[in-house]
Amino acid sequence: MCFINSDSLYSQNKIDSATYYYYKIRNPESNSDLISAYNFYHQHKITSLKEKDTLRAIYDLQMISECQNKLGLSYESSGSAIVAINLLDHFNNNDTLVQTRYGLLTHLGTVYQTSNDYDKAIEVYHNALKLVNKQKDSITIINNIANCYFELEDYNLALDQFNLIYDKAINNSNPKQKARVLNNIGAVQSKLNLPGAIDNLNQSIDIRKKEKDIIGAYSTYKSLFHFYNDRKEKKMAKAYADSAYETVIKINSKTYVQDALSLNVELNEDPKIRAYKRLTDSINKAEDIRKNEYSFNKYRYDKQKRIAIANELQKEKEKRLKLIYQVIAVLILTLLIAVYFILKARNKREKVEEIYKTETRIAKKIHDEVANEVYHVMTKLQVEADQHEELLDDLESIYSKTRDISKESSLIDIDQNFNELLNDLLTSYKTNDVKIITRNVLTINWDTTSAYKKTTIYRVLQELMTNMRKHSLAKIVVLAFEQNKNNIYINYSDNGTGCVLKKQVGLQNVENRMQSIGGSIIFETEIEKGFKAKMTI
């Protein structure tokens, strides 16, 4: 049985007492040792619970349960163990508590086994087996399970279980464990009339006598008794019944003494005495099972109740989480809608700013180029009144500049054939000195392009051509068009003088226009190496 370390649970003034009574339980010289130990741990449990020290109370209940079991109070022992397990269920299973749970389950299985409730013992042992992480512990539990099958007279299944641990136990350095397995293998072999039974039993008793294992020796004497009694060898059976009785007298346990005396009753041939023993055993077994059934069902009920409460709490938690997620989703959706309208407002503001910049540029051009020219003409009219022909030339120049500015900012009729519109635009920049070349412009399907994008393309090309005419001194301009799925590519190049790239108002305006439609434009230029622009729409 595994226990919580008492040194970690008891104050210094209690350690010596706890250790003293712990050894009294493990090695009792009489029932009075067990009773005094029980009283100590019972009182200490009350104190532990008052102080809300649940771990210490669990340890106290372990000790109480073992006292009760050794006193023959199997029902009370199982009840104490179950209370301890219930308390343990409130804690997370760290390594120490897993070992404690394993010890309690193993002890509870032993209580059921000694009170002949083998089915419950097997169930509890299997639960304990799930917690095992040491080979010696697994050997102990499987051995106990096999013994339960043996008592249920399912000898083949018992032998299968014993065989699972035989090699491990035989090679184990622990002689007591080796003797126990030899005894159990021999007992089941005896019931199945298999060879080797008596040899295994004799090896077991030799080891147990050498190790002075009184309880173990008593168990093997019983096995030897049944071996010979089953084969009607009454003399040998009587000898081992007497040896069993003489052994348990040394430990002064009424339970063991009663069990040893019952072996002699089995030897009695009087049918009434034998019937009495069978009836007494049956009544005692039924009573033990009834009491254990109550404790076990109460444990199951309490556990199911805790599980049900935990499930309800989990459902409530999931419900709250779902509500939180819904609130978060609504907040995110609200945020996205807000961001959408903010971006939309920003885009609208940028468009307004773009229009403002365009209008400012037009106003500046009109002011710088038209108003100044008009001012000079007025000055000439005042100073040189006779030069009418030259005045007409000046006025015509002013007219041409004004017309060009107006054309750059005039409304575009996008509804007409866009290819023709582009052709008219580019042709208007062709002169005797400037050659305009277009490639693949007719392959572009403009019907899938929005009016806003077409307007932007038109204005960008217009800006590039105007820039070429004013600054580059180019002789050849090439515009190559290409369409790939949803993208349109326009590459502009001229053989003009080129320049050091500085994004003045014109080029910056072109870049802004392209960005407004989700497109891009890249400029490339060097002195005397012409000017290039690559557009993606």
Protein backbone atom coordinates (compact mmCIF):
# COMPACT_ATOMS: atom_id res chain seq x y z
CA MET A 1 0.00 0.00 0.00
CA CYS A 2 1.31 3.49 -0.89
CA PHE A 3 1.10 6.35 1.61
CA ILE A 4 1.60 10.08 1.65
CA ASN A 5 4.86 10.97 3.37
CA SER A 6 3.85 11.60 6.97
CA ASP A 7 6.82 13.94 7.55
CA SER A 8 5.33 16.39 5.03
CA LEU A 9 1.90 16.33 6.69
CA TYR A 10 2.45 16.41 10.43
CA SER A 11 3.87 19.12 12.63
CA GLN A 12 7.12 18.25 14.42
CA ASN A 13 5.43 17.40 17.71
CA LYS A 14 3.20 14.86 15.91
CA ILE A 15 5.83 13.09 13.79
CA ASP A 16 7.04 10.71 16.50
CA SER A 17 3.48 9.66 17.41
CA ALA A 18 2.49 9.17 13.79
CA THR A 19 5.58 7.07 13.09
CA TYR A 20 4.99 5.02 16.25
CA TYR A 21 1.40 4.16 15.37
CA TYR A 22 2.26 3.61 11.70
CA TYR A 23 4.58 0.75 12.71
CA LYS A 24 2.00 -0.57 15.17
CA ILE A 25 -0.42 -0.95 12.25
CA ARG A 26 2.12 -2.57 9.95
CA ASN A 27 3.50 -4.94 12.62
CA PRO A 28 0.83 -5.38 15.31
CA GLU A 29 1.62 -7.60 18.28
CA SER A 30 -2.03 -7.71 19.33
CA ASN A 31 -5.43 -6.20 18.57
CA SER A 32 -4.78 -3.60 21.26
CA ASP A 33 -2.01 -2.13 19.06
CA LEU A 34 -4.47 -1.75 16.22
CA ILE A 35 -7.15 -0.24 18.46
CA SER A 36 -4.78 2.36 19.94
CA ALA A 37 -3.53 3.24 16.43
CA TYR A 38 -7.11 3.55 15.21
CA ASN A 39 -7.98 5.94 18.07
CA PHE A 40 -4.93 8.10 17.33
CA TYR A 41 -5.63 8.44 13.60
CA HIS A 42 -9.38 8.86 14.13
CA GLN A 43 -8.82 11.82 16.44
CA HIS A 44 -6.18 13.22 14.14
CA LYS A 45 -8.56 12.97 11.16
CA ILE A 46 -11.11 15.10 13.02
CA THR A 47 -8.44 17.75 13.68
CA SER A 48 -7.24 17.64 10.06
CA LEU A 49 -10.74 18.22 8.70
CA LYS A 50 -11.35 21.09 11.14
CA GLU A 51 -8.14 22.71 9.94
CA LYS A 52 -9.21 22.01 6.31
CA ASP A 53 -6.01 20.02 5.75
CA THR A 54 -7.57 17.54 3.31
CA LEU A 55 -4.33 15.81 2.30
CA ARG A 56 -3.52 15.04 5.92
CA ALA A 57 -7.09 13.76 6.46
CA ILE A 58 -6.64 11.41 3.47
CA TYR A 59 -3.51 9.98 5.09
CA ASP A 60 -5.36 9.53 8.40
CA LEU A 61 -8.16 7.66 6.60
CA GLN A 62 -5.60 5.36 4.96
CA MET A 63 -4.28 4.37 8.34
CA ILE A 64 -7.79 3.99 9.79
CA SER A 65 -8.86 1.75 6.89
CA GLU A 66 -5.86 -0.55 7.36
CA CYS A 67 -6.54 -0.80 11.11
CA GLN A 68 -10.16 -1.73 10.48
CA ASN A 69 -9.24 -4.35 7.91
CA LYS A 70 -6.75 -6.04 10.24
CA LEU A 71 -9.36 -6.00 12.99
CA GLY A 72 -11.73 -7.90 10.68
CA LEU A 73 -14.01 -4.90 10.08
CA SER A 74 -14.05 -5.19 6.29
CA TYR A 75 -17.23 -3.13 5.79
CA GLU A 76 -15.90 -0.25 7.92
CA SER A 77 -12.48 -0.54 6.23
CA SER A 78 -13.95 -0.23 2.74
CA GLY A 79 -16.03 2.76 3.89
CA SER A 80 -12.97 4.61 5.19
CA ALA A 81 -11.02 3.87 1.98
CA ILE A 82 -13.92 5.14 -0.16
CA VAL A 83 -14.17 8.38 1.86
CA ALA A 84 -10.42 8.92 1.30
CA ILE A 85 -10.79 8.29 -2.46
CA ASN A 86 -13.70 10.76 -2.62
CA LEU A 87 -11.57 13.40 -0.93
CA LEU A 88 -8.73 12.61 -3.32
CA ASP A 89 -10.98 13.22 -6.34
CA HIS A 90 -10.91 16.95 -5.55
CA PHE A 91 -7.19 17.19 -6.32
CA ASN A 92 -5.23 17.11 -9.58
CA ASN A 93 -3.30 13.88 -10.09
CA ASN A 94 0.31 14.84 -9.48
CA ASP A 95 2.82 12.02 -8.99
CA THR A 96 2.41 11.85 -5.18
CA LEU A 97 -1.37 11.73 -5.32
CA VAL A 98 -1.36 9.13 -8.12
CA GLN A 99 0.63 6.85 -5.82
CA THR A 100 -1.76 7.59 -2.96
CA ARG A 101 -4.77 6.77 -5.15
CA TYR A 102 -3.05 3.57 -6.27
CA GLY A 103 -2.47 2.58 -2.63
CA LEU A 104 -6.07 3.27 -1.64
CA LEU A 105 -7.50 1.32 -4.58
CA THR A 106 -5.17 -1.60 -3.93
CA HIS A 107 -6.18 -1.65 -0.28
CA LEU A 108 -9.88 -1.40 -1.17
CA GLY A 109 -9.48 -4.32 -3.56
CA THR A 110 -7.84 -6.31 -0.78
CA VAL A 111 -10.74 -5.53 1.56
CA TYR A 112 -13.27 -6.76 -1.00
CA GLN A 113 -11.13 -9.81 -1.67
CA THR A 114 -10.85 -10.79 2.00
CA SER A 115 -14.60 -10.33 2.41
CA ASN A 116 -15.18 -12.70 -0.57
CA ASP A 117 -16.59 -9.99 -2.88
CA TYR A 118 -14.31 -11.01 -5.72
CA ASP A 119 -16.10 -9.31 -8.63
CA LYS A 120 -15.78 -5.89 -6.98
CA ALA A 121 -12.22 -6.65 -6.01
CA ILE A 122 -11.33 -7.40 -9.65
CA GLU A 123 -12.96 -4.17 -10.82
CA VAL A 124 -11.07 -2.08 -8.25
CA TYR A 125 -7.78 -3.86 -8.99
CA HIS A 126 -8.13 -3.06 -12.70
CA ASN A 127 -8.64 0.62 -11.82
CA ALA A 128 -5.50 0.49 -9.70
CA LEU A 129 -3.57 -1.21 -12.51
CA LYS A 130 -4.15 1.86 -14.73
CA LEU A 131 -2.08 3.92 -12.28
CA VAL A 132 0.89 1.54 -12.02
CA ASN A 133 4.32 2.75 -13.14
CA LYS A 134 6.50 0.17 -11.37
CA GLN A 135 6.93 -3.50 -12.31
CA LYS A 136 6.68 -4.77 -8.73
CA ASP A 137 3.35 -2.98 -8.29
CA SER A 138 1.92 -4.47 -11.49
CA ILE A 139 3.04 -7.95 -10.35
CA THR A 140 1.22 -7.46 -7.03
CA ILE A 141 -2.05 -6.32 -8.63
CA ILE A 142 -2.12 -8.98 -11.36
CA ASN A 143 -1.39 -11.58 -8.69
CA ASN A 144 -4.37 -10.33 -6.66
CA ILE A 145 -6.63 -10.41 -9.73
CA ALA A 146 -5.55 -13.96 -10.43
CA ASN A 147 -6.33 -14.95 -6.81
CA CYS A 148 -9.84 -13.55 -7.22
CA TYR A 149 -10.39 -15.69 -10.33
CA PHE A 150 -9.04 -18.62 -8.32
CA GLU A 151 -11.63 -18.06 -5.57
CA LEU A 152 -14.32 -17.77 -8.25
CA GLU A 153 -13.08 -21.21 -9.42
CA ASP A 154 -12.21 -19.85 -12.86
CA TYR A 155 -8.88 -21.70 -12.69
CA ASN A 156 -7.90 -21.37 -16.34
CA LEU A 157 -8.30 -17.60 -16.27
CA ALA A 158 -6.43 -17.49 -12.98
CA LEU A 159 -3.56 -19.49 -14.51
CA ASP A 160 -3.43 -17.07 -17.48
CA GLN A 161 -3.00 -14.16 -15.08
CA PHE A 162 -0.33 -15.96 -13.05
CA ASN A 163 1.58 -16.78 -16.22
CA LEU A 164 1.67 -13.05 -17.09
CA ILE A 165 3.86 -12.38 -14.08
CA TYR A 166 5.62 -15.74 -13.61
CA ASP A 167 8.88 -14.95 -15.44
CA LYS A 168 9.12 -11.44 -13.95
CA ALA A 169 8.50 -12.69 -10.44
CA ILE A 170 10.80 -15.72 -10.61
CA ASN A 171 13.69 -13.53 -11.81
CA ASN A 172 12.88 -10.86 -9.22
CA SER A 173 15.37 -10.36 -6.40
CA ASN A 174 12.52 -10.10 -3.88
CA PRO A 175 12.21 -13.60 -2.30
CA LYS A 176 8.81 -12.91 -0.73
CA GLN A 177 7.34 -11.98 -4.08
CA LYS A 178 8.89 -15.07 -5.69
CA ALA A 179 7.43 -17.28 -2.92
CA ARG A 180 3.98 -15.76 -3.37
CA VAL A 181 3.91 -16.45 -7.11
CA LEU A 182 5.18 -20.02 -6.62
CA ASN A 183 2.43 -20.61 -4.05
CA ASN A 184 -0.28 -19.24 -6.33
CA ILE A 185 0.94 -21.09 -9.43
CA GLY A 186 1.10 -24.31 -7.39
CA ALA A 187 -2.43 -23.80 -5.99
CA VAL A 188 -4.03 -23.31 -9.40
CA GLN A 189 -2.00 -26.17 -10.89
CA SER A 190 -3.35 -28.32 -8.07
CA LYS A 191 -6.95 -27.51 -8.98
CA LEU A 192 -6.27 -28.22 -12.66
CA ASN A 193 -4.31 -31.44 -11.86
CA LEU A 194 -1.27 -30.12 -13.67
CA PRO A 195 2.24 -31.46 -12.97
CA GLY A 196 4.59 -29.35 -10.91
CA ALA A 197 1.99 -28.19 -8.37
CA ILE A 198 3.54 -29.82 -5.29
CA ASP A 199 7.08 -28.79 -6.31
CA ASN A 200 6.04 -25.12 -6.57
CA LEU A 201 4.22 -25.25 -3.22
CA ASN A 202 7.22 -26.87 -1.48
CA GLN A 203 9.58 -24.23 -2.92
CA SER A 204 7.23 -21.50 -1.70
CA ILE A 205 7.02 -22.79 1.89
CA ASP A 206 10.80 -23.22 2.07
CA ILE A 207 11.37 -19.59 1.04
CA ARG A 208 8.69 -18.24 3.40
CA LYS A 209 10.03 -20.14 6.40
CA LYS A 210 13.54 -18.95 5.62
CA GLU A 211 12.30 -15.33 5.34
CA LYS A 212 10.21 -15.77 8.52
CA ASP A 213 7.18 -14.59 6.55
CA ILE A 214 4.43 -15.78 8.95
CA ILE A 215 1.44 -14.57 6.93
CA GLY A 216 2.96 -15.91 3.73
CA ALA A 217 3.74 -19.28 5.34
CA TYR A 218 0.15 -19.54 6.55
CA SER A 219 -1.10 -19.00 2.99
CA THR A 220 1.16 -21.75 1.61
CA TYR A 221 0.16 -24.17 4.42
CA LYS A 222 -3.45 -23.63 3.37
CA SER A 223 -2.55 -24.37 -0.26
CA LEU A 224 -0.78 -27.59 0.79
CA PHE A 225 -3.80 -28.52 2.90
CA HIS A 226 -6.13 -28.14 -0.09
CA PHE A 227 -3.72 -30.03 -2.36
CA TYR A 228 -3.85 -33.14 -0.15
CA ASN A 229 -7.48 -32.75 0.95
CA ASP A 230 -8.62 -32.65 -2.70
CA ARG A 231 -6.79 -35.92 -3.24
CA LYS A 232 -8.34 -37.52 -0.13
CA GLU A 233 -4.97 -37.76 1.61
CA LYS A 234 -6.45 -36.83 4.99
CA LYS A 235 -3.35 -37.50 7.06
CA MET A 236 -1.17 -35.06 5.11
CA ALA A 237 -4.06 -32.58 4.92
CA LYS A 238 -4.44 -32.72 8.73
CA ALA A 239 -0.72 -32.12 9.21
CA TYR A 240 -0.78 -28.95 7.11
CA ALA A 241 -4.02 -27.74 8.78
CA ASP A 242 -2.24 -28.04 12.13
CA SER A 243 0.83 -26.22 10.75
CA ALA A 244 -1.43 -23.42 9.52
CA TYR A 245 -3.08 -23.12 12.94
CA GLU A 246 0.25 -23.13 14.81
CA THR A 247 1.51 -20.36 12.50
CA VAL A 248 -1.41 -17.95 13.00
CA ILE A 249 -1.36 -18.41 16.76
CA LYS A 250 1.90 -16.43 16.66
CA ILE A 251 0.25 -13.33 15.19
CA ASN A 252 -2.68 -13.35 17.64
CA SER A 253 -5.34 -12.48 15.07
CA LYS A 254 -8.84 -13.80 15.66
CA THR A 255 -9.67 -13.59 11.96
CA TYR A 256 -6.69 -15.77 10.98
CA VAL A 257 -7.33 -18.17 13.87
CA GLN A 258 -10.96 -18.58 12.83
CA ASP A 259 -9.88 -19.23 9.26
CA ALA A 260 -7.27 -21.81 10.35
CA LEU A 261 -9.77 -23.67 12.55
CA SER A 262 -12.18 -23.87 9.62
CA LEU A 263 -9.63 -26.12 7.84
CA ASN A 264 -10.17 -28.78 10.50
CA VAL A 265 -13.91 -28.46 10.03
CA GLU A 266 -13.42 -29.32 6.36
CA LEU A 267 -11.70 -32.54 7.42
CA ASN A 268 -14.71 -33.60 9.47
CA GLU A 269 -16.78 -36.22 7.66
CA ASP A 270 -19.99 -35.47 9.60
CA PRO A 271 -22.40 -34.14 6.92
CA LYS A 272 -24.19 -31.89 9.41
CA ILE A 273 -20.99 -30.18 10.47
CA ARG A 274 -19.95 -29.75 6.85
CA ALA A 275 -23.42 -28.38 6.01
CA TYR A 276 -23.18 -25.99 8.96
CA LYS A 277 -19.82 -24.68 7.71
CA ARG A 278 -21.13 -24.17 4.18
CA LEU A 279 -24.22 -22.36 5.50
CA THR A 280 -22.18 -20.16 7.85
CA ASP A 281 -19.71 -19.28 5.10
CA SER A 282 -22.58 -18.48 2.73
CA ILE A 283 -24.32 -16.22 5.28
CA ASN A 284 -21.12 -14.40 6.16
CA LYS A 285 -20.23 -13.96 2.52
CA ALA A 286 -23.71 -12.63 1.67
CA GLU A 287 -23.54 -10.18 4.58
CA ASP A 288 -20.11 -8.95 3.58
CA ILE A 289 -21.22 -8.54 -0.02
CA ARG A 290 -24.34 -6.64 1.06
CA LYS A 291 -22.32 -4.23 3.19
CA ASN A 292 -19.68 -3.78 0.50
CA GLU A 293 -22.38 -3.23 -2.11
CA TYR A 294 -23.69 -0.29 -0.11
CA SER A 295 -20.23 1.28 0.23
CA PHE A 296 -19.34 0.65 -3.40
CA ASN A 297 -22.63 2.00 -4.76
CA LYS A 298 -22.33 5.05 -2.53
CA TYR A 299 -18.86 5.67 -3.96
CA ARG A 300 -20.20 5.25 -7.51
CA TYR A 301 -23.13 7.57 -6.77
CA ASP A 302 -20.89 10.22 -5.25
CA LYS A 303 -18.50 9.95 -8.20
CA GLN A 304 -21.32 10.16 -10.76
CA LYS A 305 -22.75 13.13 -8.87
CA ARG A 306 -19.38 14.89 -9.02
CA ILE A 307 -19.08 14.08 -12.72
CA ALA A 308 -22.61 15.42 -13.34
CA ILE A 309 -21.80 18.63 -11.46
CA ALA A 310 -18.51 18.95 -13.37
CA ASN A 311 -20.37 18.44 -16.67
CA GLU A 312 -22.90 21.12 -15.74
CA LEU A 313 -20.08 23.49 -14.84
CA GLN A 314 -18.36 22.67 -18.13
CA LYS A 315 -21.57 23.34 -20.06
CA GLU A 316 -22.02 26.64 -18.25
CA LYS A 317 -18.40 27.51 -19.00
CA GLU A 318 -18.86 26.64 -22.68
CA LYS A 319 -22.05 28.70 -22.74
CA ARG A 320 -20.21 31.71 -21.31
CA LEU A 321 -17.33 31.21 -23.75
CA LYS A 322 -19.81 31.02 -26.63
CA LEU A 323 -21.39 34.27 -25.49
CA ILE A 324 -17.96 35.89 -25.19
CA TYR A 325 -17.04 34.68 -28.69
CA GLN A 326 -20.29 36.08 -30.05
CA VAL A 327 -19.63 39.44 -28.41
CA ILE A 328 -16.08 39.42 -29.79
CA ALA A 329 -17.43 38.52 -33.26
CA VAL A 330 -19.92 41.42 -33.10
CA LEU A 331 -17.16 43.78 -31.98
CA ILE A 332 -14.88 42.60 -34.79
CA LEU A 333 -17.68 42.97 -37.33
CA THR A 334 -18.46 46.45 -36.01
CA LEU A 335 -14.77 47.32 -36.19
CA LEU A 336 -14.52 46.03 -39.76
CA ILE A 337 -17.56 48.05 -40.80
CA ALA A 338 -16.08 51.12 -39.13
CA VAL A 339 -12.75 50.53 -40.88
CA TYR A 340 -14.56 50.12 -44.19
CA PHE A 341 -16.34 53.44 -43.85
CA ILE A 342 -13.16 55.13 -42.62
CA LEU A 343 -11.24 53.84 -45.62
CA LYS A 344 -14.07 54.79 -47.91
CA ALA A 345 -14.12 58.29 -46.45
CA ARG A 346 -10.34 58.48 -46.74
CA ASN A 347 -10.47 57.33 -50.36
CA LYS A 348 -13.12 59.91 -51.09
CA ARG A 349 -11.01 62.54 -49.37
CA GLU A 350 -7.98 61.51 -51.41
CA LYS A 351 -10.01 61.81 -54.60
CA VAL A 352 -11.18 65.25 -53.54
CA GLU A 353 -7.59 66.17 -52.77
CA GLU A 354 -6.55 64.84 -56.20
CA ILE A 355 -9.22 66.95 -57.89
CA TYR A 356 -8.07 69.89 -55.81
CA LYS A 357 -4.46 69.34 -56.87
CA THR A 358 -5.54 69.09 -60.51
CA GLU A 359 -7.57 72.25 -60.25
CA THR A 360 -4.68 73.97 -58.48
CA ARG A 361 -2.30 72.85 -61.23
CA ILE A 362 -4.68 74.12 -63.92
CA ALA A 363 -5.13 77.40 -62.05
CA LYS A 364 -1.37 77.74 -61.67
CA LYS A 365 -0.84 77.07 -65.38
CA ILE A 366 -3.46 79.57 -66.33
CA HIS A 367 -1.97 82.10 -63.95
CA ASP A 368 1.66 81.51 -64.93
CA GLU A 369 1.24 80.98 -68.64
CA VAL A 370 -1.97 82.74 -69.68
CA ALA A 371 -2.24 85.67 -67.26
CA ASN A 372 1.41 86.61 -67.64
CA GLU A 373 1.14 86.49 -71.42
CA VAL A 374 -1.96 88.63 -71.34
CA TYR A 375 -0.15 91.09 -69.10
CA HIS A 376 2.72 91.36 -71.59
CA VAL A 377 0.28 91.87 -74.47
CA MET A 378 -1.41 94.65 -72.56
CA THR A 379 1.96 96.24 -71.96
CA LYS A 380 2.79 96.07 -75.68
CA LEU A 381 -0.54 97.60 -76.59
CA GLN A 382 0.27 100.51 -74.33
CA VAL A 383 3.86 100.99 -75.51
CA GLU A 384 3.87 99.77 -79.11
CA ALA A 385 0.46 100.62 -80.47
CA ASP A 386 1.50 100.23 -84.13
CA GLN A 387 2.68 96.64 -83.98
CA HIS A 388 -0.72 94.99 -84.64
CA GLU A 389 0.61 92.03 -86.59
CA GLU A 390 2.91 91.00 -83.79
CA LEU A 391 0.06 91.50 -81.36
CA LEU A 392 -2.10 89.09 -83.29
CA ASP A 393 0.66 86.49 -83.18
CA ASP A 394 0.92 86.88 -79.41
CA LEU A 395 -2.80 86.55 -78.95
CA GLU A 396 -2.80 83.42 -81.11
CA SER A 397 -0.07 81.93 -78.90
CA ILE A 398 -2.12 82.70 -75.82
CA TYR A 399 -5.12 81.08 -77.44
CA SER A 400 -3.14 77.90 -78.21
CA LYS A 401 -1.85 77.57 -74.65
CA THR A 402 -5.28 78.14 -73.17
CA ARG A 403 -6.75 75.58 -75.54
CA ASP A 404 -4.12 73.00 -74.53
CA ILE A 405 -4.74 73.52 -70.84
CA SER A 406 -8.47 73.26 -71.35
CA LYS A 407 -8.03 70.09 -73.35
CA GLU A 408 -5.91 68.50 -70.60
CA SER A 409 -8.69 69.01 -68.05
CA SER A 410 -11.77 68.65 -70.21
CA LEU A 411 -14.42 65.93 -69.74
CA ILE A 412 -13.72 62.66 -71.58
CA ASP A 413 -16.50 60.82 -73.38
CA ILE A 414 -15.67 57.31 -72.19
CA ASP A 415 -18.84 55.83 -73.71
CA GLN A 416 -17.40 56.00 -77.23
CA ASN A 417 -14.90 53.46 -78.60
CA PHE A 418 -11.96 53.66 -76.22
CA ASN A 419 -9.44 52.49 -78.82
CA GLU A 420 -10.46 55.37 -81.06
CA LEU A 421 -10.29 57.76 -78.12
CA LEU A 422 -6.73 56.65 -77.33
CA ASN A 423 -5.79 56.84 -80.98
CA ASP A 424 -7.07 60.44 -81.21
CA LEU A 425 -5.15 61.33 -78.05
CA LEU A 426 -1.85 59.90 -79.26
CA THR A 427 -2.26 61.23 -82.81
CA SER A 428 -2.71 64.74 -81.44
CA TYR A 429 0.91 64.62 -80.22
CA LYS A 430 2.29 63.46 -83.60
CA THR A 431 4.19 66.09 -85.61
CA ASN A 432 6.63 66.12 -88.50
CA ASP A 433 9.41 65.76 -85.94
CA VAL A 434 7.72 63.29 -83.51
CA LYS A 435 6.69 59.80 -84.53
CA ILE A 436 4.15 57.92 -82.32
CA ILE A 437 4.16 54.10 -82.55
CA THR A 438 1.56 51.87 -80.84
CA ARG A 439 1.66 48.08 -80.49
CA ASN A 440 -1.22 45.69 -79.77
CA VAL A 441 -3.59 48.43 -78.62
CA LEU A 442 -6.41 46.84 -80.62
CA THR A 443 -5.97 43.50 -78.75
CA ILE A 444 -7.11 44.98 -75.46
CA ASN A 445 -10.69 44.24 -74.41
CA TRP A 446 -11.68 47.56 -72.83
CA ASP A 447 -15.28 46.44 -72.25
CA THR A 448 -14.28 44.74 -68.97
CA THR A 449 -12.50 47.86 -67.72
CA SER A 450 -14.47 50.31 -65.61
CA ALA A 451 -15.08 53.89 -66.79
CA TYR A 452 -13.08 55.22 -63.83
CA LYS A 453 -10.04 53.11 -64.78
CA LYS A 454 -10.29 54.09 -68.45
CA THR A 455 -10.43 57.77 -67.48
CA THR A 456 -7.35 57.33 -65.35
CA ILE A 457 -5.46 55.52 -68.14
CA TYR A 458 -6.38 58.29 -70.55
CA ARG A 459 -5.18 61.05 -68.18
CA VAL A 460 -1.93 59.24 -67.37
CA LEU A 461 -1.06 58.77 -71.04
CA GLN A 462 -2.02 62.39 -71.69
CA GLU A 463 0.31 63.53 -68.90
CA LEU A 464 3.19 61.38 -70.23
CA MET A 465 2.72 62.66 -73.81
CA THR A 466 2.53 66.27 -72.63
CA ASN A 467 5.68 65.79 -70.57
CA MET A 468 7.38 64.30 -73.65
CA ARG A 469 6.41 67.25 -75.87
CA LYS A 470 7.54 69.87 -73.38
CA HIS A 471 10.74 68.39 -72.01
CA SER A 472 12.18 65.35 -73.74
CA LEU A 473 12.82 66.50 -77.35
CA ALA A 474 11.99 62.93 -78.34
CA LYS A 475 11.71 61.93 -81.97
CA ILE A 476 10.16 58.51 -81.43
CA VAL A 477 7.58 57.42 -78.82
CA VAL A 478 6.55 53.76 -78.48
CA LEU A 479 3.52 52.55 -76.51
CA ALA A 480 3.15 48.76 -76.16
CA PHE A 481 -0.10 47.27 -74.80
CA GLU A 482 -0.59 43.76 -73.36
CA GLN A 483 -3.45 41.98 -71.57
CA ASN A 484 -2.99 38.90 -69.36
CA LYS A 485 -6.17 37.61 -67.68
CA ASN A 486 -7.39 40.51 -65.51
CA ASN A 487 -4.27 42.68 -65.83
CA ILE A 488 -3.42 45.29 -68.49
CA TYR A 489 0.21 46.31 -69.05
CA ILE A 490 1.22 49.51 -70.87
CA ASN A 491 4.90 50.24 -71.50
CA TYR A 492 5.84 53.79 -72.57
CA SER A 493 9.30 54.67 -73.92
CA ASP A 494 10.83 57.57 -75.87
CA ASN A 495 14.29 58.41 -77.16
CA GLY A 496 14.38 61.85 -75.64
CA THR A 497 17.07 63.53 -73.60
CA GLY A 498 16.04 61.84 -70.38
CA CYS A 499 16.63 63.46 -67.02
CA VAL A 500 17.51 62.96 -63.40
CA LEU A 501 14.29 61.50 -62.00
CA LYS A 502 12.50 63.89 -59.68
CA LYS A 503 8.83 63.37 -59.07
CA GLN A 504 7.50 66.87 -59.63
CA VAL A 505 3.83 67.70 -59.69
CA GLY A 506 3.17 66.01 -63.03
CA LEU A 507 4.80 62.65 -62.32
CA GLN A 508 3.51 62.61 -58.73
CA ASN A 509 0.01 63.22 -60.07
CA VAL A 510 0.42 60.30 -62.46
CA GLU A 511 1.52 58.02 -59.62
CA ASN A 512 -1.42 59.09 -57.45
CA ARG A 513 -3.87 58.41 -60.26
CA MET A 514 -2.51 54.87 -60.76
CA GLN A 515 -2.66 54.12 -57.04
CA SER A 516 -6.26 55.31 -56.86
CA ILE A 517 -7.32 52.47 -59.21
CA GLY A 518 -5.17 49.82 -57.52
CA GLY A 519 -2.52 50.00 -60.24
CA SER A 520 1.14 50.93 -60.29
CA ILE A 521 3.62 52.82 -62.46
CA ILE A 522 7.42 52.62 -62.52
CA PHE A 523 9.60 55.33 -64.08
CA GLU A 524 13.04 54.73 -65.60
CA THR A 525 15.22 57.52 -67.01
CA GLU A 526 18.79 58.70 -67.35
CA ILE A 527 20.42 61.68 -69.04
CA GLU A 528 20.58 61.10 -72.82
CA LYS A 529 18.96 57.66 -72.48
CA GLY A 530 15.32 58.56 -72.90
CA PHE A 531 12.34 58.10 -70.59
CA LYS A 532 10.37 54.91 -69.76
CA ALA A 533 7.25 54.18 -67.78
CA LYS A 534 5.80 50.72 -67.02
CA MET A 535 2.13 50.66 -66.01
CA THR A 536 0.15 47.80 -64.51
CA ILE A 537 -3.64 48.06 -64.20
